[in-house]
PDB file of N, CA and C in Angstrom:
ATOM      1  N   MET A   1      18.347-104.398  32.955  1.00  0.00           N
ATOM      2  CA  MET A   1      17.307-104.235  32.178  1.00  0.00           C
ATOM      3  C   MET A   1      16.639-105.385  31.677  1.00  0.00           C
ATOM      4  N   GLY A   2      17.401-106.569  31.452  1.00  0.00           N
ATOM      5  CA  GLY A   2      16.845-107.960  31.017  1.00  0.00           C
ATOM      6  C   GLY A   2      16.044-108.249  31.937  1.00  0.00           C
ATOM      7  N   THR A   3      16.126-108.274  33.358  1.00  0.00           N
ATOM      8  CA  THR A   3      15.325-108.929  34.289  1.00  0.00           C
ATOM      9  C   THR A   3      14.059-108.204  34.406  1.00  0.00           C
ATOM     10  N   ALA A   4      13.982-107.007  33.953  1.00  0.00           N
ATOM     11  CA  ALA A   4      12.905-106.041  34.031  1.00  0.00           C
ATOM     12  C   ALA A   4      11.986-106.349  32.960  1.00  0.00           C
ATOM     13  N   ILE A   5      12.406-106.547  31.825  1.00  0.00           N
ATOM     14  CA  ILE A   5      11.521-107.275  30.748  1.00  0.00           C
ATOM     15  C   ILE A   5      11.173-108.474  30.853  1.00  0.00           C
ATOM     16  N   ASP A   6      11.911-109.280  31.479  1.00  0.00           N
ATOM     17  CA  ASP A   6      11.540-110.574  32.018  1.00  0.00           C
ATOM     18  C   ASP A   6      10.160-110.725  32.780  1.00  0.00           C
ATOM     19  N   ASP A   7      10.215-109.672  33.755  1.00  0.00           N
ATOM     20  CA  ASP A   7       9.275-109.172  34.610  1.00  0.00           C
ATOM     21  C   ASP A   7       7.968-108.820  33.808  1.00  0.00           C
ATOM     22  N   LEU A   8       7.729-108.569  32.741  1.00  0.00           N
ATOM     23  CA  LEU A   8       6.669-107.850  31.845  1.00  0.00           C
ATOM     24  C   LEU A   8       6.092-109.319  31.080  1.00  0.00           C
ATOM     25  N   LYS A   9       6.934-110.329  30.991  1.00  0.00           N
ATOM     26  CA  LYS A   9       6.288-111.358  30.395  1.00  0.00           C
ATOM     27  C   LYS A   9       4.986-111.983  31.166  1.00  0.00           C
ATOM     28  N   ASP A  10       4.940-111.880  32.314  1.00  0.00           N
ATOM     29  CA  ASP A  10       3.827-112.328  33.086  1.00  0.00           C
ATOM     30  C   ASP A  10       2.337-111.400  33.073  1.00  0.00           C
ATOM     31  N   THR A  11       2.917-110.118  32.241  1.00  0.00           N
ATOM     32  CA  THR A  11       1.801-109.251  32.105  1.00  0.00           C
ATOM     33  C   THR A  11       0.787-109.746  31.164  1.00  0.00           C
ATOM     34  N   PRO A  12      -0.862-109.703  31.751  1.00  0.00           N
ATOM     35  CA  PRO A  12      -1.561-109.963  30.708  1.00  0.00           C
ATOM     36  C   PRO A  12      -1.617-109.335  29.475  1.00  0.00           C
ATOM     37  N   VAL A  13      -2.019-110.209  28.356  1.00  0.00           N
ATOM     38  CA  VAL A  13      -2.185-109.542  27.224  1.00  0.00           C
ATOM     39  C   VAL A  13      -3.241-108.336  27.221  1.00  0.00           C
ATOM     40  N   GLY A  14      -2.939-107.401  26.163  1.00  0.00           N
ATOM     41  CA  GLY A  14      -3.845-106.200  26.070  1.00  0.00           C
ATOM     42  C   GLY A  14      -3.286-104.988  26.987  1.00  0.00           C
ATOM     43  N   PHE A  15      -2.418-105.228  28.132  1.00  0.00           N
ATOM     44  CA  PHE A  15      -1.809-104.209  28.630  1.00  0.00           C
ATOM     45  C   PHE A  15      -0.548-103.733  27.939  1.00  0.00           C
ATOM     46  N   GLN A  16      -0.192-102.180  28.434  1.00  0.00           N
ATOM     47  CA  GLN A  16       1.087-101.986  27.558  1.00  0.00           C
ATOM     48  C   GLN A  16       2.114-102.299  28.570  1.00  0.00           C
ATOM     49  N   HIS A  17       3.161-102.409  27.839  1.00  0.00           N
ATOM     50  CA  HIS A  17       4.740-103.080  28.510  1.00  0.00           C
ATOM     51  C   HIS A  17       5.608-101.835  28.645  1.00  0.00           C
ATOM     52  N   TRP A  18       6.053-101.378  29.567  1.00  0.00           N
ATOM     53  CA  TRP A  18       6.931-100.255  29.745  1.00  0.00           C
ATOM     54  C   TRP A  18       8.161-100.435  30.723  1.00  0.00           C
ATOM     55  N   VAL A  19       9.000-100.120  30.047  1.00  0.00           N
ATOM     56  CA  VAL A  19      10.432-100.008  30.958  1.00  0.00           C
ATOM     57  C   VAL A  19      10.946 -98.576  30.873  1.00  0.00           C
ATOM     58  N   VAL A  20      11.123 -97.927  32.040  1.00  0.00           N
ATOM     59  CA  VAL A  20      11.828 -96.583  32.021  1.00  0.00           C
ATOM     60  C   VAL A  20      12.952 -96.634  32.926  1.00  0.00           C
ATOM     61  N   ALA A  21      14.143 -96.574  32.289  1.00  0.00           N
ATOM     62  CA  ALA A  21      15.377 -96.681  33.195  1.00  0.00           C
ATOM     63  C   ALA A  21      16.423 -95.567  33.023  1.00  0.00           C
ATOM     64  N   LEU A  22      16.762 -95.345  34.178  1.00  0.00           N
ATOM     65  CA  LEU A  22      17.766 -94.201  34.559  1.00  0.00           C
ATOM     66  C   LEU A  22      19.172 -94.891  34.613  1.00  0.00           C
ATOM     67  N   THR A  23      20.350 -94.453  33.878  1.00  0.00           N
ATOM     68  CA  THR A  23      21.449 -95.283  33.869  1.00  0.00           C
ATOM     69  C   THR A  23      22.693 -94.390  33.652  1.00  0.00           C
ATOM     70  N   ASP A  24      23.675 -94.608  34.105  1.00  0.00           N
ATOM     71  CA  ASP A  24      25.095 -94.104  33.757  1.00  0.00           C
ATOM     72  C   ASP A  24      25.790 -94.764  32.811  1.00  0.00           C
ATOM     73  N   GLY A  25      25.285 -95.809  32.267  1.00  0.00           N
ATOM     74  CA  GLY A  25      25.740 -96.522  30.987  1.00  0.00           C
ATOM     75  C   GLY A  25      26.643 -97.494  31.252  1.00  0.00           C
ATOM     76  N   GLN A  26      26.929 -97.705  32.656  1.00  0.00           N
ATOM     77  CA  GLN A  26      28.151 -98.739  32.969  1.00  0.00           C
ATOM     78  C   GLN A  26      27.525 -99.955  33.234  1.00  0.00           C
ATOM     79  N   ASP A  27      27.775-101.160  32.858  1.00  0.00           N
ATOM     80  CA  ASP A  27      27.406-102.160  32.672  1.00  0.00           C
ATOM     81  C   ASP A  27      28.234-102.770  34.250  1.00  0.00           C
ATOM     82  N   ASN A  28      27.323-103.017  35.374  1.00  0.00           N
ATOM     83  CA  ASN A  28      28.331-103.432  36.407  1.00  0.00           C
ATOM     84  C   ASN A  28      27.617-104.782  36.902  1.00  0.00           C
ATOM     85  N   SER A  29      26.514-105.334  36.285  1.00  0.00           N
ATOM     86  CA  SER A  29      26.193-106.493  36.779  1.00  0.00           C
ATOM     87  C   SER A  29      25.556-107.500  36.040  1.00  0.00           C
ATOM     88  N   SER A  30      25.279-107.230  34.405  1.00  0.00           N
ATOM     89  CA  SER A  30      25.022-107.805  33.616  1.00  0.00           C
ATOM     90  C   SER A  30      26.045-108.995  33.103  1.00  0.00           C
ATOM     91  N   LYS A  31      25.547-110.337  33.157  1.00  0.00           N
ATOM     92  CA  LYS A  31      26.456-111.385  32.792  1.00  0.00           C
ATOM     93  C   LYS A  31      25.677-111.943  31.589  1.00  0.00           C
ATOM     94  N   ARG A  32      24.433-111.691  31.474  1.00  0.00           N
ATOM     95  CA  ARG A  32      23.394-112.406  30.577  1.00  0.00           C
ATOM     96  C   ARG A  32      23.372-111.502  29.393  1.00  0.00           C
ATOM     97  N   PHE A  33      23.627-110.094  29.223  1.00  0.00           N
ATOM     98  CA  PHE A  33      23.514-109.235  27.896  1.00  0.00           C
ATOM     99  C   PHE A  33      24.544-108.494  27.934  1.00  0.00           C
ATOM    100  N   THR A  34      24.683-108.312  26.443  1.00  0.00           N
ATOM    101  CA  THR A  34      25.708-107.394  25.997  1.00  0.00           C
ATOM    102  C   THR A  34      24.702-106.409  25.159  1.00  0.00           C
ATOM    103  N   PRO A  35      25.027-104.951  25.036  1.00  0.00           N
ATOM    104  CA  PRO A  35      23.923-104.280  24.209  1.00  0.00           C
ATOM    105  C   PRO A  35      23.512-105.044  23.095  1.00  0.00           C
ATOM    106  N   LYS A  36      24.330-105.529  22.335  1.00  0.00           N
ATOM    107  CA  LYS A  36      24.061-106.140  21.147  1.00  0.00           C
ATOM    108  C   LYS A  36      22.958-107.238  21.332  1.00  0.00           C
ATOM    109  N   THR A  37      22.985-108.179  22.482  1.00  0.00           N
ATOM    110  CA  THR A  37      22.406-109.365  22.680  1.00  0.00           C
ATOM    111  C   THR A  37      20.902-108.921  23.328  1.00  0.00           C
ATOM    112  N   LEU A  38      20.753-107.755  24.153  1.00  0.00           N
ATOM    113  CA  LEU A  38      19.960-107.248  24.708  1.00  0.00           C
ATOM    114  C   LEU A  38      18.841-106.878  23.597  1.00  0.00           C
ATOM    115  N   ALA A  39      19.396-105.947  22.465  1.00  0.00           N
ATOM    116  CA  ALA A  39      18.510-105.449  21.474  1.00  0.00           C
ATOM    117  C   ALA A  39      17.992-106.355  20.555  1.00  0.00           C
ATOM    118  N   LYS A  40      18.638-107.652  20.489  1.00  0.00           N
ATOM    119  CA  LYS A  40      18.235-108.949  19.893  1.00  0.00           C
ATOM    120  C   LYS A  40      17.036-109.408  20.818  1.00  0.00           C
ATOM    121  N   TYR A  41      17.200-109.623  22.192  1.00  0.00           N
ATOM    122  CA  TYR A  41      16.120-110.063  22.985  1.00  0.00           C
ATOM    123  C   TYR A  41      14.839-109.219  22.921  1.00  0.00           C
ATOM    124  N   ILE A  42      15.062-107.688  22.824  1.00  0.00           N
ATOM    125  CA  ILE A  42      14.066-106.979  22.880  1.00  0.00           C
ATOM    126  C   ILE A  42      13.339-107.288  21.526  1.00  0.00           C
ATOM    127  N   LYS A  43      13.865-107.485  20.376  1.00  0.00           N
ATOM    128  CA  LYS A  43      13.374-107.507  19.028  1.00  0.00           C
ATOM    129  C   LYS A  43      12.658-108.793  18.900  1.00  0.00           C
ATOM    130  N   ASP A  44      13.129-109.561  19.682  1.00  0.00           N
ATOM    131  CA  ASP A  44      12.367-111.262  19.387  1.00  0.00           C
ATOM    132  C   ASP A  44      11.353-111.040  20.419  1.00  0.00           C
ATOM    133  N   LEU A  45      10.846-110.432  21.435  1.00  0.00           N
ATOM    134  CA  LEU A  45       9.721-110.436  22.402  1.00  0.00           C
ATOM    135  C   LEU A  45       8.599-110.614  21.513  1.00  0.00           C
ATOM    136  N   LYS A  46       7.541-111.549  22.407  1.00  0.00           N
ATOM    137  CA  LYS A  46       6.339-111.643  21.653  1.00  0.00           C
ATOM    138  C   LYS A  46       5.251-110.596  21.910  1.00  0.00           C
ATOM    139  N   PHE A  47       5.615-109.397  22.776  1.00  0.00           N
ATOM    140  CA  PHE A  47       4.932-108.573  22.972  1.00  0.00           C
ATOM    141  C   PHE A  47       5.630-106.989  22.756  1.00  0.00           C
ATOM    142  N   PRO A  48       4.771-105.784  22.171  1.00  0.00           N
ATOM    143  CA  PRO A  48       5.612-104.917  22.045  1.00  0.00           C
ATOM    144  C   PRO A  48       5.928-104.016  23.228  1.00  0.00           C
ATOM    145  N   LEU A  49       7.258-103.441  23.175  1.00  0.00           N
ATOM    146  CA  LEU A  49       7.873-102.908  24.217  1.00  0.00           C
ATOM    147  C   LEU A  49       8.067-101.396  24.386  1.00  0.00           C
ATOM    148  N   ASN A  50       7.487-100.843  25.329  1.00  0.00           N
ATOM    149  CA  ASN A  50       7.734 -99.262  25.188  1.00  0.00           C
ATOM    150  C   ASN A  50       8.903 -99.168  26.335  1.00  0.00           C
ATOM    151  N   LEU A  51      10.020 -98.887  25.509  1.00  0.00           N
ATOM    152  CA  LEU A  51      11.612 -98.577  26.413  1.00  0.00           C
ATOM    153  C   LEU A  51      11.842 -97.293  26.426  1.00  0.00           C
ATOM    154  N   LEU A  52      11.977 -96.543  27.507  1.00  0.00           N
ATOM    155  CA  LEU A  52      12.261 -95.204  27.609  1.00  0.00           C
ATOM    156  C   LEU A  52      13.284 -95.281  28.539  1.00  0.00           C
ATOM    157  N   LEU A  53      14.713 -94.743  27.998  1.00  0.00           N
ATOM    158  CA  LEU A  53      15.995 -94.699  28.455  1.00  0.00           C
ATOM    159  C   LEU A  53      16.462 -93.377  28.864  1.00  0.00           C
ATOM    160  N   ILE A  54      16.944 -93.023  30.164  1.00  0.00           N
ATOM    161  CA  ILE A  54      17.558 -91.714  30.316  1.00  0.00           C
ATOM    162  C   ILE A  54      18.818 -91.997  30.837  1.00  0.00           C
ATOM    163  N   GLY A  55      19.742 -91.622  30.207  1.00  0.00           N
ATOM    164  CA  GLY A  55      21.440 -91.822  30.198  1.00  0.00           C
ATOM    165  C   GLY A  55      22.167 -90.487  30.882  1.00  0.00           C
ATOM    166  N   VAL A  56      22.791 -90.735  32.013  1.00  0.00           N
ATOM    167  CA  VAL A  56      23.067 -89.420  32.777  1.00  0.00           C
ATOM    168  C   VAL A  56      24.931 -89.670  32.867  1.00  0.00           C
ATOM    169  N   GLY A  57      25.529 -88.454  32.304  1.00  0.00           N
ATOM    170  CA  GLY A  57      26.929 -88.588  32.505  1.00  0.00           C
ATOM    171  C   GLY A  57      27.616 -88.596  31.370  1.00  0.00           C
ATOM    172  N   GLN A  58      29.084 -87.703  31.235  1.00  0.00           N
ATOM    173  CA  GLN A  58      29.863 -87.297  30.249  1.00  0.00           C
ATOM    174  C   GLN A  58      30.133 -88.861  29.689  1.00  0.00           C
ATOM    175  N   GLU A  59      30.231 -89.693  30.196  1.00  0.00           N
ATOM    176  CA  GLU A  59      30.820 -90.951  29.969  1.00  0.00           C
ATOM    177  C   GLU A  59      29.906 -91.669  28.667  1.00  0.00           C
ATOM    178  N   LEU A  60      28.683 -91.363  28.837  1.00  0.00           N
ATOM    179  CA  LEU A  60      27.710 -91.983  27.782  1.00  0.00           C
ATOM    180  C   LEU A  60      27.994 -91.436  26.508  1.00  0.00           C
ATOM    181  N   ARG A  61      28.713 -90.408  26.267  1.00  0.00           N
ATOM    182  CA  ARG A  61      29.392 -90.023  24.790  1.00  0.00           C
ATOM    183  C   ARG A  61      29.906 -91.463  24.205  1.00  0.00           C
ATOM    184  N   ASN A  62      30.602 -92.147  25.334  1.00  0.00           N
ATOM    185  CA  ASN A  62      31.157 -93.361  24.590  1.00  0.00           C
ATOM    186  C   ASN A  62      30.457 -94.475  24.355  1.00  0.00           C
ATOM    187  N   VAL A  63      29.174 -94.516  24.915  1.00  0.00           N
ATOM    188  CA  VAL A  63      28.164 -95.731  24.631  1.00  0.00           C
ATOM    189  C   VAL A  63      27.058 -95.308  24.097  1.00  0.00           C
ATOM    190  N   PHE A  64      27.010 -94.104  23.438  1.00  0.00           N
ATOM    191  CA  PHE A  64      25.850 -93.660  22.776  1.00  0.00           C
ATOM    192  C   PHE A  64      25.312 -94.680  21.611  1.00  0.00           C
ATOM    193  N   TYR A  65      26.260 -94.979  20.796  1.00  0.00           N
ATOM    194  CA  TYR A  65      25.740 -96.568  19.918  1.00  0.00           C
ATOM    195  C   TYR A  65      25.027 -97.204  20.528  1.00  0.00           C
ATOM    196  N   ASP A  66      25.633 -97.923  21.835  1.00  0.00           N
ATOM    197  CA  ASP A  66      24.867 -98.951  22.584  1.00  0.00           C
ATOM    198  C   ASP A  66      23.608 -98.600  23.027  1.00  0.00           C
ATOM    199  N   MET A  67      23.339 -97.466  23.496  1.00  0.00           N
ATOM    200  CA  MET A  67      22.094 -96.856  24.064  1.00  0.00           C
ATOM    201  C   MET A  67      21.080 -96.831  23.124  1.00  0.00           C
ATOM    202  N   ASN A  68      21.409 -96.332  21.745  1.00  0.00           N
ATOM    203  CA  ASN A  68      20.737 -95.954  20.608  1.00  0.00           C
ATOM    204  C   ASN A  68      20.097 -97.475  20.070  1.00  0.00           C
ATOM    205  N   LEU A  69      21.317 -98.305  19.928  1.00  0.00           N
ATOM    206  CA  LEU A  69      20.955 -99.919  19.782  1.00  0.00           C
ATOM    207  C   LEU A  69      19.892-100.478  20.371  1.00  0.00           C
ATOM    208  N   ILE A  70      19.820-100.432  21.649  1.00  0.00           N
ATOM    209  CA  ILE A  70      18.983-101.123  22.439  1.00  0.00           C
ATOM    210  C   ILE A  70      17.659-100.256  22.603  1.00  0.00           C
ATOM    211  N   VAL A  71      17.438 -98.827  22.204  1.00  0.00           N
ATOM    212  CA  VAL A  71      16.236 -98.361  22.113  1.00  0.00           C
ATOM    213  C   VAL A  71      15.339 -98.616  21.012  1.00  0.00           C
ATOM    214  N   THR A  72      16.367 -98.564  19.928  1.00  0.00           N
ATOM    215  CA  THR A  72      15.729 -98.857  18.604  1.00  0.00           C
ATOM    216  C   THR A  72      15.230-100.056  18.344  1.00  0.00           C
ATOM    217  N   ALA A  73      15.718-101.190  19.218  1.00  0.00           N
ATOM    218  CA  ALA A  73      15.252-102.397  18.999  1.00  0.00           C
ATOM    219  C   ALA A  73      13.694-102.563  19.535  1.00  0.00           C
ATOM    220  N   ALA A  74      13.079-101.717  20.676  1.00  0.00           N
ATOM    221  CA  ALA A  74      12.188-101.686  20.678  1.00  0.00           C
ATOM    222  C   ALA A  74      11.216-100.888  19.612  1.00  0.00           C
ATOM    223  N   PRO A  75       9.902-101.555  19.463  1.00  0.00           N
ATOM    224  CA  PRO A  75       8.959-100.643  18.523  1.00  0.00           C
ATOM    225  C   PRO A  75       8.860 -99.600  18.865  1.00  0.00           C
ATOM    226  N   ARG A  76       8.709 -99.102  20.284  1.00  0.00           N
ATOM    227  CA  ARG A  76       8.797 -97.973  20.752  1.00  0.00           C
ATOM    228  C   ARG A  76       9.500 -97.553  21.747  1.00  0.00           C
ATOM    229  N   GLY A  77      10.750 -96.828  21.320  1.00  0.00           N
ATOM    230  CA  GLY A  77      11.565 -96.490  22.353  1.00  0.00           C
ATOM    231  C   GLY A  77      12.223 -95.097  21.721  1.00  0.00           C
ATOM    232  N   LYS A  78      13.046 -94.407  23.152  1.00  0.00           N
ATOM    233  CA  LYS A  78      13.443 -93.305  23.106  1.00  0.00           C
ATOM    234  C   LYS A  78      14.663 -93.250  24.264  1.00  0.00           C
ATOM    235  N   TYR A  79      15.716 -92.607  23.487  1.00  0.00           N
ATOM    236  CA  TYR A  79      16.430 -92.497  24.528  1.00  0.00           C
ATOM    237  C   TYR A  79      16.803 -90.974  24.644  1.00  0.00           C
ATOM    238  N   ILE A  80      16.919 -90.760  26.071  1.00  0.00           N
ATOM    239  CA  ILE A  80      17.191 -89.332  26.349  1.00  0.00           C
ATOM    240  C   ILE A  80      18.510 -89.117  27.095  1.00  0.00           C
ATOM    241  N   PRO A  81      19.641 -88.363  26.456  1.00  0.00           N
ATOM    242  CA  PRO A  81      20.938 -88.554  26.919  1.00  0.00           C
ATOM    243  C   PRO A  81      21.009 -86.884  27.896  1.00  0.00           C
ATOM    244  N   ILE A  82      21.641 -87.224  29.159  1.00  0.00           N
ATOM    245  CA  ILE A  82      22.051 -85.929  29.782  1.00  0.00           C
ATOM    246  C   ILE A  82      23.630 -86.034  29.966  1.00  0.00           C
ATOM    247  N   TYR A  83      24.315 -85.083  29.403  1.00  0.00           N
ATOM    248  CA  TYR A  83      25.759 -85.029  29.412  1.00  0.00           C
ATOM    249  C   TYR A  83      26.114 -83.872  30.286  1.00  0.00           C
ATOM    250  N   ALA A  84      25.752 -82.957  30.404  1.00  0.00           N
ATOM    251  CA  ALA A  84      26.015 -81.834  31.151  1.00  0.00           C
ATOM    252  C   ALA A  84      26.241 -82.203  32.383  1.00  0.00           C
ATOM    253  N   GLU A  85      27.118 -81.698  33.603  1.00  0.00           N
ATOM    254  CA  GLU A  85      27.329 -81.777  34.675  1.00  0.00           C
ATOM    255  C   GLU A  85      26.622 -80.766  35.656  1.00  0.00           C
ATOM    256  N   THR A  86      26.367 -79.721  34.869  1.00  0.00           N
ATOM    257  CA  THR A  86      25.697 -78.527  35.819  1.00  0.00           C
ATOM    258  C   THR A  86      24.057 -78.735  35.731  1.00  0.00           C
ATOM    259  N   ASN A  87      23.529 -78.270  36.742  1.00  0.00           N
ATOM    260  CA  ASN A  87      22.076 -78.271  36.935  1.00  0.00           C
ATOM    261  C   ASN A  87      21.693 -79.601  36.858  1.00  0.00           C
ATOM    262  N   LEU A  88      22.348 -80.874  37.263  1.00  0.00           N
ATOM    263  CA  LEU A  88      22.026 -82.231  36.937  1.00  0.00           C
ATOM    264  C   LEU A  88      20.786 -82.499  37.641  1.00  0.00           C
ATOM    265  N   ALA A  89      20.083 -82.160  38.566  1.00  0.00           N
ATOM    266  CA  ALA A  89      19.060 -82.489  39.087  1.00  0.00           C
ATOM    267  C   ALA A  89      17.824 -81.844  38.210  1.00  0.00           C
ATOM    268  N   GLN A  90      18.059 -80.728  37.991  1.00  0.00           N
ATOM    269  CA  GLN A  90      17.251 -80.088  36.934  1.00  0.00           C
ATOM    270  C   GLN A  90      16.882 -80.694  35.694  1.00  0.00           C
ATOM    271  N   GLN A  91      17.990 -81.076  35.045  1.00  0.00           N
ATOM    272  CA  GLN A  91      17.962 -82.044  33.963  1.00  0.00           C
ATOM    273  C   GLN A  91      17.402 -83.357  33.859  1.00  0.00           C
ATOM    274  N   ILE A  92      17.730 -83.914  35.263  1.00  0.00           N
ATOM    275  CA  ILE A  92      16.914 -85.103  35.644  1.00  0.00           C
ATOM    276  C   ILE A  92      15.634 -85.061  35.421  1.00  0.00           C
ATOM    277  N   GLU A  93      15.250 -84.048  36.375  1.00  0.00           N
ATOM    278  CA  GLU A  93      13.654 -83.528  36.269  1.00  0.00           C
ATOM    279  C   GLU A  93      12.909 -83.437  35.149  1.00  0.00           C
ATOM    280  N   GLY A  94      14.037 -82.718  34.208  1.00  0.00           N
ATOM    281  CA  GLY A  94      13.168 -82.645  32.814  1.00  0.00           C
ATOM    282  C   GLY A  94      13.071 -83.638  31.896  1.00  0.00           C
ATOM    283  N   ALA A  95      14.048 -84.636  31.972  1.00  0.00           N
ATOM    284  CA  ALA A  95      13.717 -85.897  31.204  1.00  0.00           C
ATOM    285  C   ALA A  95      12.804 -86.845  31.801  1.00  0.00           C
ATOM    286  N   PHE A  96      12.570 -86.746  33.000  1.00  0.00           N
ATOM    287  CA  PHE A  96      11.228 -87.529  33.590  1.00  0.00           C
ATOM    288  C   PHE A  96      10.067 -86.673  33.325  1.00  0.00           C
ATOM    289  N   LYS A  97      10.228 -85.530  33.034  1.00  0.00           N
ATOM    290  CA  LYS A  97       8.921 -84.919  32.677  1.00  0.00           C
ATOM    291  C   LYS A  97       8.491 -85.114  31.173  1.00  0.00           C
ATOM    292  N   GLN A  98       9.585 -85.363  30.469  1.00  0.00           N
ATOM    293  CA  GLN A  98       9.320 -85.983  29.085  1.00  0.00           C
ATOM    294  C   GLN A  98       8.536 -87.233  29.153  1.00  0.00           C
ATOM    295  N   VAL A  99       9.316 -88.007  30.193  1.00  0.00           N
ATOM    296  CA  VAL A  99       8.758 -89.538  30.278  1.00  0.00           C
ATOM    297  C   VAL A  99       7.362 -89.366  30.544  1.00  0.00           C
ATOM    298  N   GLN A 100       7.065 -88.411  31.458  1.00  0.00           N
ATOM    299  CA  GLN A 100       5.608 -88.379  31.925  1.00  0.00           C
ATOM    300  C   GLN A 100       4.707 -87.858  30.690  1.00  0.00           C
ATOM    301  N   GLU A 101       5.122 -87.282  29.805  1.00  0.00           N
ATOM    302  CA  GLU A 101       4.499 -86.602  28.743  1.00  0.00           C
ATOM    303  C   GLU A 101       4.450 -87.829  27.708  1.00  0.00           C
ATOM    304  N   ILE A 102       5.363 -88.289  27.700  1.00  0.00           N
ATOM    305  CA  ILE A 102       5.080 -89.754  26.648  1.00  0.00           C
ATOM    306  C   ILE A 102       4.246 -90.668  27.225  1.00  0.00           C
ATOM    307  N   LEU A 103       4.117 -91.146  28.392  1.00  0.00           N
ATOM    308  CA  LEU A 103       3.219 -92.022  28.980  1.00  0.00           C
ATOM    309  C   LEU A 103       1.629 -91.401  28.955  1.00  0.00           C
ATOM    310  N   ALA A 104       1.565 -90.094  29.288  1.00  0.00           N
ATOM    311  CA  ALA A 104       0.220 -89.464  29.099  1.00  0.00           C
ATOM    312  C   ALA A 104      -0.362 -89.527  27.619  1.00  0.00           C
ATOM    313  N   SER A 105       0.610 -89.235  26.710  1.00  0.00           N
ATOM    314  CA  SER A 105       0.423 -89.079  25.268  1.00  0.00           C
ATOM    315  C   SER A 105      -0.160 -90.714  24.522  1.00  0.00           C
ATOM    316  N   SER A 106       0.761 -91.609  25.239  1.00  0.00           N
ATOM    317  CA  SER A 106       0.290 -92.898  24.936  1.00  0.00           C
ATOM    318  C   SER A 106      -0.873 -93.478  24.983  1.00  0.00           C
ATOM    319  N   GLU A 107      -1.503 -92.917  26.236  1.00  0.00           N
ATOM    320  CA  GLU A 107      -2.978 -93.373  26.702  1.00  0.00           C
ATOM    321  C   GLU A 107      -3.885 -92.823  26.045  1.00  0.00           C
ATOM    322  N   ILE A 108      -3.642 -91.742  25.305  1.00  0.00           N
ATOM    323  CA  ILE A 108      -4.370 -90.804  24.529  1.00  0.00           C
ATOM    324  C   ILE A 108      -4.325 -91.184  23.290  1.00  0.00           C
ATOM    325  N   GLU A 109      -3.398 -91.132  22.496  1.00  0.00           N
ATOM    326  CA  GLU A 109      -3.348 -91.396  21.179  1.00  0.00           C
ATOM    327  C   GLU A 109      -2.437 -92.331  20.448  1.00  0.00           C
ATOM    328  N   GLY A 110      -1.466 -92.936  21.651  1.00  0.00           N
ATOM    329  CA  GLY A 110      -0.588 -93.946  21.085  1.00  0.00           C
ATOM    330  C   GLY A 110       0.986 -93.138  20.925  1.00  0.00           C
ATOM    331  N   PHE A 111       1.598 -94.153  21.027  1.00  0.00           N
ATOM    332  CA  PHE A 111       2.994 -93.504  21.450  1.00  0.00           C
ATOM    333  C   PHE A 111       3.727 -93.285  19.957  1.00  0.00           C
ATOM    334  N   THR A 112       4.483 -92.197  19.677  1.00  0.00           N
ATOM    335  CA  THR A 112       5.244 -91.842  18.567  1.00  0.00           C
ATOM    336  C   THR A 112       6.407 -90.668  19.062  1.00  0.00           C
ATOM    337  N   PRO A 113       7.422 -91.257  18.976  1.00  0.00           N
ATOM    338  CA  PRO A 113       8.820 -90.729  19.628  1.00  0.00           C
ATOM    339  C   PRO A 113       9.000 -89.497  18.561  1.00  0.00           C
ATOM    340  N   GLU A 114       9.227 -88.447  18.735  1.00  0.00           N
ATOM    341  CA  GLU A 114      10.052 -87.377  18.008  1.00  0.00           C
ATOM    342  C   GLU A 114      11.092 -87.773  17.421  1.00  0.00           C
ATOM    343  N   GLU A 115      12.007 -88.254  18.402  1.00  0.00           N
ATOM    344  CA  GLU A 115      13.386 -88.855  17.655  1.00  0.00           C
ATOM    345  C   GLU A 115      13.766 -89.949  18.579  1.00  0.00           C
ATOM    346  N   LYS A 116      14.806 -90.415  17.890  1.00  0.00           N
ATOM    347  CA  LYS A 116      15.396 -92.178  18.579  1.00  0.00           C
ATOM    348  C   LYS A 116      16.834 -91.663  18.919  1.00  0.00           C
TER     349      LYS A 116
END
């Protein structure tokens, strides 16, 4: 996720900056960030970041605090957890419909998440 945020630094001023991520909550490649250092990195950005994080899997119950720490660091962040293993494809589709609605509403009236 840190690399995706780094890529946004080159975006011209005045553009909305979005990161939408689908994760199982397992950190399998980051040597640069922990959830705490990623949250600090997001808070210290020179531009407002819109961060939508969809977490999939039972094990995410164990990292719920970490996921919330990351999204609450963004001025505009939302965590959408999916714990149930049944109808997984349907639940992921529903989460991305929420993302679509958030993106559409941000263009019209600004982004205000209902809950974090």
